[in-house]
Amino acid sequence: MATPQKIESLPQLRDGLLQNESLMEEMKNDPVAVLERFIVPNTAVYRLIVWFLGLALVISLMGAVVLFYKDPTIATPAILVSTASAAIGVIAGLLAPQATN
């Protein structure tokens, strides 16, 4: 029995099943073996990035609050504002759904 290509998405699995009778039979006989061929993306890296950027955002906001309570007449330093803005933008970009076909 020939091994089909690795399956990377559900539409690819559907198309493969419709086009390949042997894959369809394999799916009927042993669906677990077919479904184990899925390539799972490494989400741990993305979680780690979001965690660190969230930490940078919280630290920036805490720094701004501490500076405000220490002396309300002083403006918030631009580095804190830019760090918080960049962290929010990157987190939004990472968490936004990716465009598909």
Protein backbone atom coordinates (compact mmCIF):
# COMPACT_ATOMS: atom_id res chain seq x y z
CA MET A 1 0.00 0.00 0.00
CA ALA A 2 1.46 3.34 -1.09
CA THR A 3 1.74 6.01 1.56
CA PRO A 4 -0.02 9.25 0.56
CA GLN A 5 1.57 12.65 1.05
CA LYS A 6 1.43 14.27 4.43
CA ILE A 7 -1.86 16.05 4.97
CA GLU A 8 -1.53 19.68 6.02
CA SER A 9 -5.16 20.84 5.97
CA LEU A 10 -8.71 19.51 6.00
CA PRO A 11 -9.43 20.69 2.44
CA GLN A 12 -6.33 18.77 1.31
CA LEU A 13 -7.64 15.66 3.12
CA ARG A 14 -11.04 16.05 1.46
CA ASP A 15 -9.52 16.49 -1.99
CA GLY A 16 -7.19 13.58 -1.44
CA LEU A 17 -10.04 11.32 -0.38
CA LEU A 18 -12.13 12.31 -3.40
CA GLN A 19 -9.27 11.80 -5.87
CA ASN A 20 -7.62 8.69 -4.44
CA GLU A 21 -9.65 5.48 -3.98
CA SER A 22 -6.86 3.76 -2.03
CA LEU A 23 -6.74 6.65 0.44
CA MET A 24 -10.52 6.47 0.75
CA GLU A 25 -10.31 2.74 1.53
CA GLU A 26 -7.50 3.36 4.01
CA MET A 27 -9.63 6.02 5.70
CA LYS A 28 -12.54 3.58 5.96
CA ASN A 29 -10.35 0.79 7.35
CA ASP A 30 -8.07 2.77 9.67
CA PRO A 31 -9.01 6.46 10.02
CA VAL A 32 -6.61 6.96 12.90
CA ALA A 33 -3.59 6.10 10.74
CA VAL A 34 -4.69 8.58 8.06
CA LEU A 35 -5.44 11.34 10.56
CA GLU A 36 -2.07 10.84 12.29
CA ARG A 37 -0.39 12.18 9.15
CA PHE A 38 -1.50 15.73 9.95
CA ILE A 39 1.33 18.21 10.40
CA VAL A 40 0.64 20.19 13.55
CA PRO A 41 2.20 23.67 13.57
CA ASN A 42 4.50 24.50 16.46
CA THR A 43 2.26 26.78 18.48
CA ALA A 44 4.58 26.82 21.51
CA VAL A 45 6.75 29.44 19.80
CA TYR A 46 3.76 31.69 19.18
CA ARG A 47 2.54 31.27 22.75
CA LEU A 48 5.98 32.18 24.07
CA ILE A 49 6.14 35.28 21.87
CA VAL A 50 2.66 36.41 22.93
CA TRP A 51 3.56 35.79 26.57
CA PHE A 52 6.74 37.89 26.40
CA LEU A 53 5.06 40.69 24.47
CA GLY A 54 2.22 40.70 26.97
CA LEU A 55 4.81 40.94 29.73
CA ALA A 56 6.46 43.88 27.95
CA LEU A 57 3.06 45.55 27.65
CA VAL A 58 2.29 45.08 31.36
CA ILE A 59 5.73 46.34 32.41
CA SER A 60 5.35 49.42 30.18
CA LEU A 61 1.93 50.19 31.58
CA MET A 62 3.12 49.67 35.16
CA GLY A 63 6.06 52.00 34.52
CA ALA A 64 3.73 54.67 33.15
CA VAL A 65 1.43 54.36 36.18
CA VAL A 66 4.35 54.53 38.63
CA LEU A 67 5.75 57.61 36.90
CA PHE A 68 2.31 59.25 36.88
CA TYR A 69 1.80 58.69 40.61
CA LYS A 70 5.34 59.80 41.41
CA ASP A 71 4.93 63.14 39.62
CA PRO A 72 1.71 63.80 37.67
CA THR A 73 3.19 66.85 35.95
CA ILE A 74 5.77 64.79 34.03
CA ALA A 75 4.65 63.41 30.66
CA THR A 76 4.88 59.67 30.09
CA PRO A 77 8.19 58.90 28.37
CA ALA A 78 7.89 58.10 24.68
CA ILE A 79 9.78 54.82 25.12
CA LEU A 80 7.00 53.45 27.35
CA VAL A 81 4.29 54.54 24.92
CA SER A 82 6.11 53.14 21.91
CA THR A 83 6.89 49.83 23.65
CA ALA A 84 3.28 49.36 24.70
CA SER A 85 1.99 50.31 21.23
CA ALA A 86 4.40 47.95 19.50
CA ALA A 87 3.51 45.09 21.85
CA ILE A 88 -0.21 45.59 21.22
CA GLY A 89 0.34 45.67 17.46
CA VAL A 90 2.48 42.54 17.39
CA ILE A 91 0.09 40.60 19.62
CA ALA A 92 -2.83 41.62 17.40
CA GLY A 93 -0.89 40.55 14.32
CA LEU A 94 0.00 37.16 15.79
CA LEU A 95 -3.49 36.44 17.05
CA ALA A 96 -5.34 37.59 13.93
CA PRO A 97 -6.56 34.75 11.71
CA GLN A 98 -4.50 34.09 8.61
CA ALA A 99 -6.05 34.50 5.19
CA THR A 100 -6.89 31.27 3.41
CA ASN A 101 -7.76 30.46 -0.20
